[in-house]
Amino acid sequence: MGFLLTFEGIEGSGKTTQARRLFEFLQSEGLPCVLTREPGGTPFGEALRVLLLRPETGSLDPLTEALLFAAARREHVLRVLVPALGAGKVVLCVRFTDSTLAYQGWGRGVDFSFLRLLNEQASGGLTPHCTVLLDVEPETGLSRSLASHDPREVRFELEFSKEIHLLERIREGYLELARREPERFIVIPVNRSEEEVFREIVERVLPRIRQWKEGKA
């Protein structure tokens, strides 16, 4: 069994950047790795990603949104995550089941018991070994995200810019998840340079991966 490491956080927290940097670092250390993302990772998931993130889609019912993310996740789990983990690889995934709880639960108000059941079914019970939560103030993250993202993928950013309280609730949801599972989550503030954040990620994640490797030996 491989090692599943997920990156979570609100918009503009640097998840994709830091996941890519860690992927390259682990490869340089000789570890077999896979870098993937949600929604996405498969042709079906990438097609849904376009639909979910493009501004033209407009506002969606929260339950509709949750179901679409779950559909993308199910294909991703079956076609990417399970095979890679079965091959003993380190899988770095930008967003996973915690995103559903934070965004559709805390953010949109969808029933948590339903979302947990949905996550269980879509993921097949797959749980990350470790989750890096990159924490940023909502206003800062939103500004960064709008400045750096493809304008074809900013549906959420445009919505949150009008209702910043939604992003504040989502951030609080993430922090609450981390408080509930401190053994899984690594919370890293990102109010500093990209390099400093990356160094802390390596310092805190690498021991867990080494422990996993020793357990395999």
N, C-alpha and C. Protein backbone atom coordinates (compact mmCIF):
# COMPACT_ATOMS: atom_id res chain seq x y z
N MET A 1 0.84 -1.20 0.00
CA MET A 1 0.00 0.00 0.00
C MET A 1 0.88 1.24 0.00
N GLY A 2 0.50 2.21 -0.83
CA GLY A 2 1.27 3.44 -0.91
C GLY A 2 0.93 4.41 0.19
N PHE A 3 1.32 5.66 -0.02
CA PHE A 3 1.15 6.73 0.97
C PHE A 3 0.38 7.86 0.32
N LEU A 4 -0.80 8.17 0.87
CA LEU A 4 -1.64 9.22 0.30
C LEU A 4 -1.48 10.51 1.10
N LEU A 5 -0.95 11.52 0.45
CA LEU A 5 -0.74 12.84 1.05
C LEU A 5 -1.61 13.85 0.32
N THR A 6 -2.49 14.51 1.04
CA THR A 6 -3.37 15.49 0.41
C THR A 6 -3.01 16.90 0.83
N PHE A 7 -3.29 17.83 -0.06
CA PHE A 7 -3.09 19.26 0.21
C PHE A 7 -4.46 19.93 0.22
N GLU A 8 -4.75 20.65 1.29
CA GLU A 8 -6.03 21.33 1.42
C GLU A 8 -5.82 22.80 1.78
N GLY A 9 -6.88 23.58 1.62
CA GLY A 9 -6.82 25.00 1.95
C GLY A 9 -7.74 25.78 1.04
N ILE A 10 -8.02 27.00 1.44
CA ILE A 10 -8.90 27.85 0.63
C ILE A 10 -8.14 28.37 -0.59
N GLU A 11 -8.85 29.10 -1.43
CA GLU A 11 -8.27 29.69 -2.63
C GLU A 11 -7.07 30.56 -2.27
N GLY A 12 -6.00 30.44 -3.08
CA GLY A 12 -4.84 31.30 -2.89
C GLY A 12 -3.90 30.88 -1.78
N SER A 13 -4.07 29.67 -1.26
CA SER A 13 -3.19 29.22 -0.18
C SER A 13 -1.90 28.58 -0.70
N GLY A 14 -1.83 28.32 -1.99
CA GLY A 14 -0.60 27.79 -2.58
C GLY A 14 -0.53 26.28 -2.67
N LYS A 15 -1.67 25.62 -2.65
CA LYS A 15 -1.70 24.15 -2.67
C LYS A 15 -0.99 23.56 -3.88
N THR A 16 -1.36 24.02 -5.06
CA THR A 16 -0.79 23.45 -6.29
C THR A 16 0.70 23.70 -6.37
N THR A 17 1.12 24.91 -6.04
CA THR A 17 2.55 25.25 -6.08
C THR A 17 3.35 24.38 -5.13
N GLN A 18 2.89 24.25 -3.90
CA GLN A 18 3.65 23.49 -2.91
C GLN A 18 3.59 21.99 -3.18
N ALA A 19 2.47 21.50 -3.68
CA ALA A 19 2.39 20.08 -4.04
C ALA A 19 3.36 19.75 -5.16
N ARG A 20 3.43 20.64 -6.15
CA ARG A 20 4.36 20.41 -7.26
C ARG A 20 5.81 20.43 -6.77
N ARG A 21 6.13 21.37 -5.89
CA ARG A 21 7.50 21.45 -5.37
C ARG A 21 7.86 20.20 -4.57
N LEU A 22 6.93 19.74 -3.76
CA LEU A 22 7.21 18.54 -2.96
C LEU A 22 7.32 17.31 -3.86
N PHE A 23 6.50 17.24 -4.89
CA PHE A 23 6.57 16.15 -5.85
C PHE A 23 7.96 16.09 -6.48
N GLU A 24 8.46 17.22 -6.93
CA GLU A 24 9.78 17.27 -7.55
C GLU A 24 10.88 16.91 -6.55
N PHE A 25 10.72 17.36 -5.31
CA PHE A 25 11.71 17.03 -4.27
C PHE A 25 11.73 15.54 -3.99
N LEU A 26 10.57 14.93 -3.83
CA LEU A 26 10.50 13.50 -3.53
C LEU A 26 11.04 12.67 -4.69
N GLN A 27 10.77 13.12 -5.91
CA GLN A 27 11.33 12.43 -7.08
C GLN A 27 12.86 12.47 -7.04
N SER A 28 13.41 13.62 -6.65
CA SER A 28 14.86 13.76 -6.58
C SER A 28 15.45 12.86 -5.49
N GLU A 29 14.61 12.48 -4.52
CA GLU A 29 15.04 11.58 -3.45
C GLU A 29 14.87 10.11 -3.85
N GLY A 30 14.38 9.89 -5.07
CA GLY A 30 14.23 8.53 -5.56
C GLY A 30 12.95 7.83 -5.17
N LEU A 31 11.97 8.60 -4.70
CA LEU A 31 10.69 8.01 -4.32
C LEU A 31 9.73 7.98 -5.51
N PRO A 32 9.09 6.85 -5.78
CA PRO A 32 8.09 6.81 -6.86
C PRO A 32 6.85 7.60 -6.44
N CYS A 33 6.51 8.62 -7.21
CA CYS A 33 5.45 9.56 -6.83
C CYS A 33 4.45 9.77 -7.96
N VAL A 34 3.26 10.19 -7.56
CA VAL A 34 2.23 10.63 -8.49
C VAL A 34 1.69 11.95 -7.98
N LEU A 35 1.53 12.91 -8.87
CA LEU A 35 0.93 14.20 -8.52
C LEU A 35 -0.40 14.32 -9.26
N THR A 36 -1.47 14.56 -8.53
CA THR A 36 -2.78 14.63 -9.14
C THR A 36 -3.63 15.67 -8.42
N ARG A 37 -4.88 15.83 -8.86
CA ARG A 37 -5.71 16.88 -8.27
C ARG A 37 -7.19 16.53 -8.40
N GLU A 38 -7.99 17.20 -7.57
CA GLU A 38 -9.44 17.11 -7.66
C GLU A 38 -10.04 18.52 -7.68
N PRO A 39 -11.10 18.73 -8.45
CA PRO A 39 -11.59 17.79 -9.45
C PRO A 39 -10.59 17.67 -10.59
N GLY A 40 -10.48 16.50 -11.15
CA GLY A 40 -9.54 16.29 -12.24
C GLY A 40 -8.88 14.93 -12.13
N GLY A 41 -7.70 14.81 -12.73
CA GLY A 41 -6.94 13.57 -12.65
C GLY A 41 -7.31 12.51 -13.67
N THR A 42 -8.51 12.62 -14.24
CA THR A 42 -8.97 11.70 -15.30
C THR A 42 -9.61 12.56 -16.39
N PRO A 43 -9.78 12.02 -17.60
CA PRO A 43 -10.47 12.81 -18.64
C PRO A 43 -11.85 13.27 -18.20
N PHE A 44 -12.60 12.37 -17.54
CA PHE A 44 -13.93 12.73 -17.04
C PHE A 44 -13.83 13.82 -15.97
N GLY A 45 -12.89 13.64 -15.05
CA GLY A 45 -12.72 14.62 -13.98
C GLY A 45 -12.29 15.98 -14.49
N GLU A 46 -11.42 15.99 -15.48
CA GLU A 46 -10.97 17.27 -16.03
C GLU A 46 -12.11 17.97 -16.77
N ALA A 47 -12.96 17.19 -17.43
CA ALA A 47 -14.12 17.79 -18.11
C ALA A 47 -15.08 18.40 -17.09
N LEU A 48 -15.30 17.69 -15.98
CA LEU A 48 -16.15 18.23 -14.93
C LEU A 48 -15.50 19.45 -14.28
N ARG A 49 -14.18 19.44 -14.17
CA ARG A 49 -13.47 20.58 -13.60
C ARG A 49 -13.77 21.85 -14.38
N VAL A 50 -13.71 21.74 -15.70
CA VAL A 50 -14.01 22.89 -16.56
C VAL A 50 -15.42 23.40 -16.26
N LEU A 51 -16.37 22.50 -16.18
CA LEU A 51 -17.76 22.87 -15.92
C LEU A 51 -17.91 23.52 -14.55
N LEU A 52 -17.26 22.96 -13.54
CA LEU A 52 -17.43 23.44 -12.17
C LEU A 52 -16.73 24.77 -11.91
N LEU A 53 -15.63 25.02 -12.60
CA LEU A 53 -14.82 26.20 -12.28
C LEU A 53 -15.01 27.38 -13.22
N ARG A 54 -15.61 27.17 -14.38
CA ARG A 54 -15.73 28.29 -15.31
C ARG A 54 -16.83 29.25 -14.84
N PRO A 55 -16.60 30.55 -14.93
CA PRO A 55 -17.58 31.53 -14.47
C PRO A 55 -18.93 31.41 -15.16
N GLU A 56 -18.94 30.97 -16.42
CA GLU A 56 -20.19 30.88 -17.18
C GLU A 56 -21.18 29.89 -16.56
N THR A 57 -20.68 28.95 -15.76
CA THR A 57 -21.58 27.98 -15.12
C THR A 57 -22.54 28.67 -14.15
N GLY A 58 -22.07 29.75 -13.55
CA GLY A 58 -22.93 30.49 -12.64
C GLY A 58 -23.14 29.77 -11.32
N SER A 59 -24.14 30.20 -10.57
CA SER A 59 -24.42 29.63 -9.26
C SER A 59 -25.07 28.26 -9.39
N LEU A 60 -24.61 27.31 -8.58
CA LEU A 60 -25.18 25.96 -8.57
C LEU A 60 -25.81 25.68 -7.21
N ASP A 61 -26.85 24.86 -7.22
CA ASP A 61 -27.40 24.37 -5.97
C ASP A 61 -26.30 23.63 -5.21
N PRO A 62 -26.16 23.85 -3.89
CA PRO A 62 -25.08 23.21 -3.12
C PRO A 62 -25.06 21.69 -3.24
N LEU A 63 -26.22 21.06 -3.27
CA LEU A 63 -26.27 19.60 -3.39
C LEU A 63 -25.82 19.16 -4.77
N THR A 64 -26.25 19.88 -5.80
CA THR A 64 -25.79 19.59 -7.17
C THR A 64 -24.27 19.64 -7.22
N GLU A 65 -23.71 20.69 -6.63
CA GLU A 65 -22.26 20.88 -6.61
C GLU A 65 -21.57 19.70 -5.92
N ALA A 66 -22.09 19.30 -4.77
CA ALA A 66 -21.50 18.19 -4.02
C ALA A 66 -21.53 16.90 -4.82
N LEU A 67 -22.63 16.65 -5.51
CA LEU A 67 -22.76 15.42 -6.30
C LEU A 67 -21.80 15.40 -7.49
N LEU A 68 -21.61 16.56 -8.11
CA LEU A 68 -20.67 16.63 -9.24
C LEU A 68 -19.24 16.38 -8.78
N PHE A 69 -18.86 16.99 -7.67
CA PHE A 69 -17.52 16.74 -7.13
C PHE A 69 -17.35 15.27 -6.77
N ALA A 70 -18.39 14.66 -6.21
CA ALA A 70 -18.31 13.25 -5.83
C ALA A 70 -18.17 12.35 -7.06
N ALA A 71 -18.86 12.69 -8.14
CA ALA A 71 -18.74 11.90 -9.37
C ALA A 71 -17.32 11.94 -9.91
N ALA A 72 -16.73 13.13 -9.92
CA ALA A 72 -15.34 13.26 -10.37
C ALA A 72 -14.41 12.47 -9.45
N ARG A 73 -14.69 12.54 -8.15
CA ARG A 73 -13.83 11.83 -7.18
C ARG A 73 -13.89 10.32 -7.37
N ARG A 74 -15.08 9.80 -7.60
CA ARG A 74 -15.20 8.35 -7.74
C ARG A 74 -14.34 7.83 -8.88
N GLU A 75 -14.39 8.49 -10.03
CA GLU A 75 -13.57 8.08 -11.17
C GLU A 75 -12.09 8.23 -10.85
N HIS A 76 -11.75 9.31 -10.17
CA HIS A 76 -10.36 9.58 -9.81
C HIS A 76 -9.81 8.50 -8.87
N VAL A 77 -10.60 8.14 -7.88
CA VAL A 77 -10.18 7.11 -6.93
C VAL A 77 -9.95 5.78 -7.65
N LEU A 78 -10.90 5.39 -8.49
CA LEU A 78 -10.81 4.09 -9.16
C LEU A 78 -9.70 4.02 -10.19
N ARG A 79 -9.51 5.11 -10.93
CA ARG A 79 -8.60 5.08 -12.08
C ARG A 79 -7.19 5.60 -11.79
N VAL A 80 -7.04 6.38 -10.72
CA VAL A 80 -5.73 6.97 -10.42
C VAL A 80 -5.23 6.58 -9.03
N LEU A 81 -5.99 6.90 -8.01
CA LEU A 81 -5.49 6.73 -6.64
C LEU A 81 -5.29 5.27 -6.26
N VAL A 82 -6.30 4.44 -6.45
CA VAL A 82 -6.18 3.04 -6.05
C VAL A 82 -5.05 2.33 -6.79
N PRO A 83 -4.93 2.47 -8.12
CA PRO A 83 -3.80 1.82 -8.81
C PRO A 83 -2.43 2.32 -8.33
N ALA A 84 -2.30 3.63 -8.14
CA ALA A 84 -1.01 4.17 -7.71
C ALA A 84 -0.65 3.72 -6.30
N LEU A 85 -1.62 3.75 -5.41
CA LEU A 85 -1.37 3.29 -4.04
C LEU A 85 -1.10 1.79 -4.01
N GLY A 86 -1.80 1.05 -4.84
CA GLY A 86 -1.57 -0.38 -4.92
C GLY A 86 -0.18 -0.73 -5.42
N ALA A 87 0.40 0.18 -6.20
CA ALA A 87 1.76 0.00 -6.71
C ALA A 87 2.81 0.50 -5.72
N GLY A 88 2.36 0.95 -4.54
CA GLY A 88 3.30 1.38 -3.51
C GLY A 88 3.86 2.77 -3.68
N LYS A 89 3.17 3.62 -4.41
CA LYS A 89 3.68 4.96 -4.68
C LYS A 89 3.21 5.97 -3.63
N VAL A 90 3.96 7.07 -3.56
CA VAL A 90 3.53 8.23 -2.78
C VAL A 90 2.64 9.06 -3.69
N VAL A 91 1.40 9.27 -3.29
CA VAL A 91 0.45 10.02 -4.10
C VAL A 91 0.20 11.37 -3.45
N LEU A 92 0.49 12.43 -4.18
CA LEU A 92 0.22 13.79 -3.73
C LEU A 92 -1.02 14.28 -4.45
N CYS A 93 -2.06 14.57 -3.70
CA CYS A 93 -3.34 14.96 -4.30
C CYS A 93 -3.77 16.33 -3.79
N VAL A 94 -3.97 17.26 -4.71
CA VAL A 94 -4.45 18.59 -4.36
C VAL A 94 -5.97 18.52 -4.24
N ARG A 95 -6.45 18.57 -3.04
CA ARG A 95 -7.85 18.46 -2.62
C ARG A 95 -8.32 17.00 -2.63
N PHE A 96 -9.13 16.71 -1.60
CA PHE A 96 -9.76 15.39 -1.53
C PHE A 96 -11.03 15.54 -0.70
N THR A 97 -11.39 14.54 0.08
CA THR A 97 -12.68 14.53 0.76
C THR A 97 -12.88 15.68 1.75
N ASP A 98 -11.80 16.18 2.34
CA ASP A 98 -11.93 17.30 3.28
C ASP A 98 -12.49 18.55 2.60
N SER A 99 -12.19 18.72 1.31
CA SER A 99 -12.72 19.86 0.58
C SER A 99 -14.25 19.83 0.55
N THR A 100 -14.81 18.64 0.39
CA THR A 100 -16.27 18.51 0.36
C THR A 100 -16.88 18.96 1.69
N LEU A 101 -16.29 18.52 2.79
CA LEU A 101 -16.81 18.91 4.10
C LEU A 101 -16.67 20.41 4.33
N ALA A 102 -15.52 20.97 3.95
CA ALA A 102 -15.29 22.39 4.19
C ALA A 102 -16.16 23.27 3.30
N TYR A 103 -16.20 22.98 2.01
CA TYR A 103 -16.91 23.84 1.06
C TYR A 103 -18.42 23.60 1.06
N GLN A 104 -18.82 22.36 0.85
CA GLN A 104 -20.26 22.10 0.76
C GLN A 104 -20.90 21.98 2.14
N GLY A 105 -20.12 21.61 3.16
CA GLY A 105 -20.64 21.52 4.52
C GLY A 105 -20.64 22.86 5.23
N TRP A 106 -19.46 23.28 5.66
CA TRP A 106 -19.37 24.57 6.36
C TRP A 106 -19.74 25.74 5.46
N GLY A 107 -19.30 25.70 4.22
CA GLY A 107 -19.55 26.83 3.34
C GLY A 107 -20.97 26.92 2.82
N ARG A 108 -21.52 25.79 2.35
CA ARG A 108 -22.83 25.81 1.67
C ARG A 108 -23.98 25.30 2.53
N GLY A 109 -23.65 24.66 3.65
CA GLY A 109 -24.71 24.23 4.54
C GLY A 109 -25.36 22.90 4.21
N VAL A 110 -24.71 22.09 3.37
CA VAL A 110 -25.25 20.75 3.09
C VAL A 110 -25.05 19.87 4.33
N ASP A 111 -26.01 19.01 4.60
CA ASP A 111 -25.99 18.16 5.78
C ASP A 111 -24.70 17.34 5.88
N PHE A 112 -24.05 17.41 7.05
CA PHE A 112 -22.76 16.75 7.22
C PHE A 112 -22.87 15.23 7.17
N SER A 113 -23.92 14.67 7.72
CA SER A 113 -24.06 13.22 7.70
C SER A 113 -24.19 12.72 6.27
N PHE A 114 -24.90 13.48 5.43
CA PHE A 114 -25.01 13.11 4.02
C PHE A 114 -23.65 13.22 3.33
N LEU A 115 -22.92 14.31 3.60
CA LEU A 115 -21.62 14.51 2.95
C LEU A 115 -20.63 13.43 3.36
N ARG A 116 -20.66 13.02 4.61
CA ARG A 116 -19.75 11.95 5.04
C ARG A 116 -20.08 10.63 4.33
N LEU A 117 -21.36 10.35 4.18
CA LEU A 117 -21.76 9.15 3.44
C LEU A 117 -21.35 9.26 1.98
N LEU A 118 -21.53 10.43 1.39
CA LEU A 118 -21.14 10.66 0.01
C LEU A 118 -19.64 10.48 -0.17
N ASN A 119 -18.86 11.04 0.75
CA ASN A 119 -17.41 10.88 0.71
C ASN A 119 -17.02 9.41 0.82
N GLU A 120 -17.66 8.70 1.73
CA GLU A 120 -17.36 7.29 1.94
C GLU A 120 -17.60 6.48 0.67
N GLN A 121 -18.72 6.75 0.01
CA GLN A 121 -19.05 6.01 -1.20
C GLN A 121 -18.13 6.39 -2.36
N ALA A 122 -17.88 7.68 -2.52
CA ALA A 122 -17.06 8.14 -3.64
C ALA A 122 -15.60 7.72 -3.50
N SER A 123 -15.11 7.71 -2.27
CA SER A 123 -13.69 7.39 -2.03
C SER A 123 -13.46 5.92 -1.77
N GLY A 124 -14.54 5.15 -1.59
CA GLY A 124 -14.37 3.75 -1.23
C GLY A 124 -13.74 3.58 0.14
N GLY A 125 -13.89 4.59 0.99
CA GLY A 125 -13.32 4.54 2.33
C GLY A 125 -11.86 4.93 2.40
N LEU A 126 -11.31 5.41 1.30
CA LEU A 126 -9.91 5.81 1.26
C LEU A 126 -9.70 7.06 2.10
N THR A 127 -8.73 7.01 3.02
CA THR A 127 -8.43 8.14 3.90
C THR A 127 -6.96 8.52 3.75
N PRO A 128 -6.65 9.80 3.66
CA PRO A 128 -5.25 10.21 3.55
C PRO A 128 -4.44 9.78 4.77
N HIS A 129 -3.18 9.42 4.53
CA HIS A 129 -2.27 9.16 5.64
C HIS A 129 -1.87 10.47 6.31
N CYS A 130 -1.83 11.53 5.51
CA CYS A 130 -1.39 12.83 6.01
C CYS A 130 -2.04 13.91 5.15
N THR A 131 -2.47 15.00 5.80
CA THR A 131 -3.07 16.12 5.08
C THR A 131 -2.37 17.41 5.48
N VAL A 132 -1.83 18.10 4.50
CA VAL A 132 -1.21 19.41 4.71
C VAL A 132 -2.28 20.47 4.48
N LEU A 133 -2.61 21.21 5.53
CA LEU A 133 -3.58 22.30 5.43
C LEU A 133 -2.82 23.62 5.40
N LEU A 134 -2.84 24.26 4.25
CA LEU A 134 -2.17 25.55 4.09
C LEU A 134 -3.17 26.64 4.45
N ASP A 135 -2.86 27.37 5.52
CA ASP A 135 -3.82 28.32 6.09
C ASP A 135 -3.47 29.75 5.73
N VAL A 136 -4.45 30.46 5.18
CA VAL A 136 -4.26 31.85 4.76
C VAL A 136 -5.51 32.64 5.09
N GLU A 137 -5.34 33.94 5.36
CA GLU A 137 -6.49 34.81 5.58
C GLU A 137 -7.32 34.88 4.29
N PRO A 138 -8.65 34.81 4.39
CA PRO A 138 -9.49 34.79 3.20
C PRO A 138 -9.24 35.94 2.22
N GLU A 139 -9.10 37.17 2.72
CA GLU A 139 -8.89 38.30 1.81
C GLU A 139 -7.58 38.16 1.05
N THR A 140 -6.53 37.73 1.76
CA THR A 140 -5.22 37.55 1.13
C THR A 140 -5.27 36.44 0.09
N GLY A 141 -5.85 35.31 0.47
CA GLY A 141 -5.93 34.18 -0.45
C GLY A 141 -6.73 34.50 -1.69
N LEU A 142 -7.85 35.18 -1.51
CA LEU A 142 -8.71 35.52 -2.64
C LEU A 142 -7.99 36.45 -3.61
N SER A 143 -7.28 37.43 -3.07
CA SER A 143 -6.52 38.36 -3.91
C SER A 143 -5.45 37.63 -4.71
N ARG A 144 -4.72 36.73 -4.05
CA ARG A 144 -3.69 35.95 -4.73
C ARG A 144 -4.29 35.09 -5.84
N SER A 145 -5.39 34.44 -5.53
CA SER A 145 -5.99 33.51 -6.47
C SER A 145 -6.51 34.23 -7.72
N LEU A 146 -7.17 35.36 -7.52
CA LEU A 146 -7.68 36.11 -8.67
C LEU A 146 -6.55 36.62 -9.55
N ALA A 147 -5.41 36.94 -8.93
CA ALA A 147 -4.27 37.47 -9.68
C ALA A 147 -3.52 36.39 -10.45
N SER A 148 -3.57 35.15 -9.95
CA SER A 148 -2.72 34.11 -10.53
C SER A 148 -3.45 33.05 -11.34
N HIS A 149 -4.76 32.91 -11.15
CA HIS A 149 -5.48 31.82 -11.81
C HIS A 149 -5.94 32.18 -13.22
N ASP A 150 -6.09 31.13 -14.00
CA ASP A 150 -6.69 31.25 -15.33
C ASP A 150 -8.09 31.85 -15.17
N PRO A 151 -8.39 32.94 -15.88
CA PRO A 151 -9.72 33.55 -15.75
C PRO A 151 -10.86 32.62 -16.14
N ARG A 152 -10.54 31.50 -16.80
CA ARG A 152 -11.56 30.52 -17.14
C ARG A 152 -11.87 29.58 -15.98
N GLU A 153 -11.13 29.74 -14.84
CA GLU A 153 -11.31 28.83 -13.70
C GLU A 153 -11.52 29.60 -12.39
N VAL A 154 -12.29 30.66 -12.42
CA VAL A 154 -12.42 31.49 -11.22
C VAL A 154 -13.87 31.65 -10.76
N ARG A 155 -14.71 30.66 -11.03
CA ARG A 155 -16.11 30.78 -10.61
C ARG A 155 -16.23 30.96 -9.10
N PHE A 156 -15.48 30.18 -8.35
CA PHE A 156 -15.56 30.29 -6.89
C PHE A 156 -14.99 31.62 -6.40
N GLU A 157 -13.86 32.03 -6.99
CA GLU A 157 -13.26 33.30 -6.56
C GLU A 157 -14.21 34.47 -6.78
N LEU A 158 -14.88 34.50 -7.93
CA LEU A 158 -15.81 35.59 -8.21
C LEU A 158 -16.98 35.58 -7.23
N GLU A 159 -17.43 34.39 -6.87
CA GLU A 159 -18.52 34.31 -5.89
C GLU A 159 -18.06 34.75 -4.51
N PHE A 160 -16.87 34.30 -4.10
CA PHE A 160 -16.38 34.64 -2.77
C PHE A 160 -16.03 36.13 -2.66
N SER A 161 -15.65 36.75 -3.78
CA SER A 161 -15.34 38.18 -3.73
C SER A 161 -16.57 39.00 -3.38
N LYS A 162 -17.75 38.44 -3.67
CA LYS A 162 -19.01 39.12 -3.32
C LYS A 162 -19.50 38.72 -1.94
N GLU A 163 -19.10 37.52 -1.49
CA GLU A 163 -19.56 37.00 -0.20
C GLU A 163 -18.36 36.41 0.55
N ILE A 164 -17.49 37.29 1.05
CA ILE A 164 -16.26 36.84 1.70
C ILE A 164 -16.55 36.00 2.94
N HIS A 165 -17.73 36.19 3.54
CA HIS A 165 -18.07 35.42 4.75
C HIS A 165 -18.14 33.92 4.45
N LEU A 166 -18.47 33.55 3.20
CA LEU A 166 -18.48 32.14 2.83
C LEU A 166 -17.09 31.54 2.94
N LEU A 167 -16.09 32.28 2.46
CA LEU A 167 -14.72 31.80 2.51
C LEU A 167 -14.21 31.76 3.94
N GLU A 168 -14.67 32.69 4.76
CA GLU A 168 -14.30 32.68 6.18
C GLU A 168 -14.85 31.42 6.86
N ARG A 169 -16.08 31.05 6.52
CA ARG A 169 -16.67 29.84 7.09
C ARG A 169 -15.92 28.59 6.64
N ILE A 170 -15.54 28.58 5.38
CA ILE A 170 -14.80 27.43 4.83
C ILE A 170 -13.45 27.29 5.53
N ARG A 171 -12.77 28.41 5.71
CA ARG A 171 -11.49 28.36 6.42
C ARG A 171 -11.68 27.82 7.84
N GLU A 172 -12.69 28.31 8.53
CA GLU A 172 -12.96 27.83 9.88
C GLU A 172 -13.29 26.34 9.88
N GLY A 173 -13.99 25.90 8.84
CA GLY A 173 -14.30 24.48 8.71
C GLY A 173 -13.04 23.64 8.60
N TYR A 174 -12.12 24.09 7.78
CA TYR A 174 -10.84 23.38 7.65
C TYR A 174 -10.11 23.30 8.99
N LEU A 175 -10.05 24.43 9.69
CA LEU A 175 -9.34 24.45 10.97
C LEU A 175 -10.02 23.55 11.99
N GLU A 176 -11.34 23.47 11.93
CA GLU A 176 -12.06 22.56 12.83
C GLU A 176 -11.75 21.10 12.49
N LEU A 177 -11.69 20.78 11.21
CA LEU A 177 -11.31 19.42 10.82
C LEU A 177 -9.92 19.07 11.35
N ALA A 178 -9.00 20.03 11.27
CA ALA A 178 -7.64 19.80 11.77
C ALA A 178 -7.63 19.61 13.28
N ARG A 179 -8.47 20.35 13.98
CA ARG A 179 -8.55 20.18 15.44
C ARG A 179 -9.09 18.80 15.81
N ARG A 180 -10.00 18.29 14.99
CA ARG A 180 -10.60 16.98 15.27
C ARG A 180 -9.66 15.82 14.96
N GLU A 181 -8.74 16.02 14.00
CA GLU A 181 -7.82 14.94 13.60
C GLU A 181 -6.38 15.46 13.59
N PRO A 182 -5.85 15.83 14.75
CA PRO A 182 -4.50 16.40 14.79
C PRO A 182 -3.41 15.43 14.36
N GLU A 183 -3.69 14.12 14.46
CA GLU A 183 -2.69 13.14 14.07
C GLU A 183 -2.54 13.05 12.55
N ARG A 184 -3.57 13.46 11.83
CA ARG A 184 -3.52 13.42 10.36
C ARG A 184 -3.12 14.75 9.75
N PHE A 185 -3.61 15.83 10.30
CA PHE A 185 -3.40 17.15 9.72
C PHE A 185 -2.09 17.79 10.15
N ILE A 186 -1.47 18.47 9.21
CA ILE A 186 -0.35 19.37 9.48
C ILE A 186 -0.79 20.75 9.02
N VAL A 187 -0.99 21.66 9.95
CA VAL A 187 -1.45 23.01 9.61
C VAL A 187 -0.24 23.93 9.47
N ILE A 188 -0.14 24.56 8.30
CA ILE A 188 1.01 25.41 8.01
C ILE A 188 0.53 26.79 7.58
N PRO A 189 0.82 27.83 8.37
CA PRO A 189 0.46 29.20 7.96
C PRO A 189 1.30 29.61 6.75
N VAL A 190 0.68 30.33 5.83
CA VAL A 190 1.40 30.71 4.61
C VAL A 190 1.62 32.22 4.51
N ASN A 191 1.62 32.90 5.65
CA ASN A 191 1.84 34.35 5.66
C ASN A 191 3.33 34.67 5.67
N ARG A 192 4.07 34.06 4.75
CA ARG A 192 5.51 34.25 4.61
C ARG A 192 5.91 33.80 3.22
N SER A 193 7.20 33.71 2.95
CA SER A 193 7.63 33.41 1.59
C SER A 193 7.31 31.97 1.20
N GLU A 194 7.20 31.76 -0.10
CA GLU A 194 6.95 30.42 -0.64
C GLU A 194 8.03 29.44 -0.20
N GLU A 195 9.28 29.91 -0.18
CA GLU A 195 10.40 29.05 0.20
C GLU A 195 10.31 28.64 1.66
N GLU A 196 9.95 29.56 2.54
CA GLU A 196 9.81 29.23 3.96
C GLU A 196 8.70 28.21 4.18
N VAL A 197 7.60 28.39 3.48
CA VAL A 197 6.49 27.44 3.58
C VAL A 197 6.94 26.06 3.11
N PHE A 198 7.65 26.02 2.00
CA PHE A 198 8.10 24.74 1.46
C PHE A 198 9.05 24.03 2.42
N ARG A 199 9.96 24.78 3.03
CA ARG A 199 10.90 24.17 3.97
C ARG A 199 10.16 23.53 5.15
N GLU A 200 9.12 24.21 5.64
CA GLU A 200 8.37 23.64 6.75
C GLU A 200 7.60 22.39 6.32
N ILE A 201 7.06 22.41 5.10
CA ILE A 201 6.36 21.22 4.60
C ILE A 201 7.32 20.03 4.57
N VAL A 202 8.51 20.22 4.03
CA VAL A 202 9.49 19.13 3.96
C VAL A 202 9.86 18.65 5.36
N GLU A 203 10.11 19.59 6.26
CA GLU A 203 10.52 19.23 7.62
C GLU A 203 9.46 18.42 8.35
N ARG A 204 8.21 18.69 8.07
CA ARG A 204 7.13 18.04 8.82
C ARG A 204 6.54 16.82 8.11
N VAL A 205 6.63 16.80 6.79
CA VAL A 205 6.05 15.68 6.04
C VAL A 205 7.05 14.54 5.86
N LEU A 206 8.31 14.88 5.61
CA LEU A 206 9.31 13.85 5.31
C LEU A 206 9.42 12.78 6.40
N PRO A 207 9.40 13.15 7.69
CA PRO A 207 9.46 12.10 8.72
C PRO A 207 8.30 11.11 8.62
N ARG A 208 7.13 11.57 8.23
CA ARG A 208 5.99 10.67 8.11
C ARG A 208 6.17 9.71 6.93
N ILE A 209 6.72 10.22 5.84
CA ILE A 209 6.96 9.36 4.68
C ILE A 209 8.05 8.34 5.01
N ARG A 210 9.09 8.78 5.72
CA ARG A 210 10.16 7.86 6.11
C ARG A 210 9.64 6.78 7.05
N GLN A 211 8.76 7.16 7.95
CA GLN A 211 8.16 6.18 8.86
C GLN A 211 7.35 5.15 8.08
N TRP A 212 6.62 5.63 7.08
CA TRP A 212 5.85 4.73 6.21
C TRP A 212 6.78 3.78 5.48
N LYS A 213 7.88 4.30 4.94
CA LYS A 213 8.84 3.47 4.21
C LYS A 213 9.44 2.40 5.11
N GLU A 214 9.76 2.78 6.33
CA GLU A 214 10.34 1.81 7.27
C GLU A 214 9.34 0.71 7.59
N GLY A 215 8.07 1.07 7.65
CA GLY A 215 7.03 0.08 7.92
C GLY A 215 6.87 -0.91 6.78
N LYS A 216 7.22 -0.46 5.56
CA LYS A 216 7.12 -1.33 4.38
C LYS A 216 8.27 -2.33 4.32
N ALA A 217 9.43 -1.92 4.87
CA ALA A 217 10.65 -2.72 4.71
C ALA A 217 10.55 -4.07 5.42
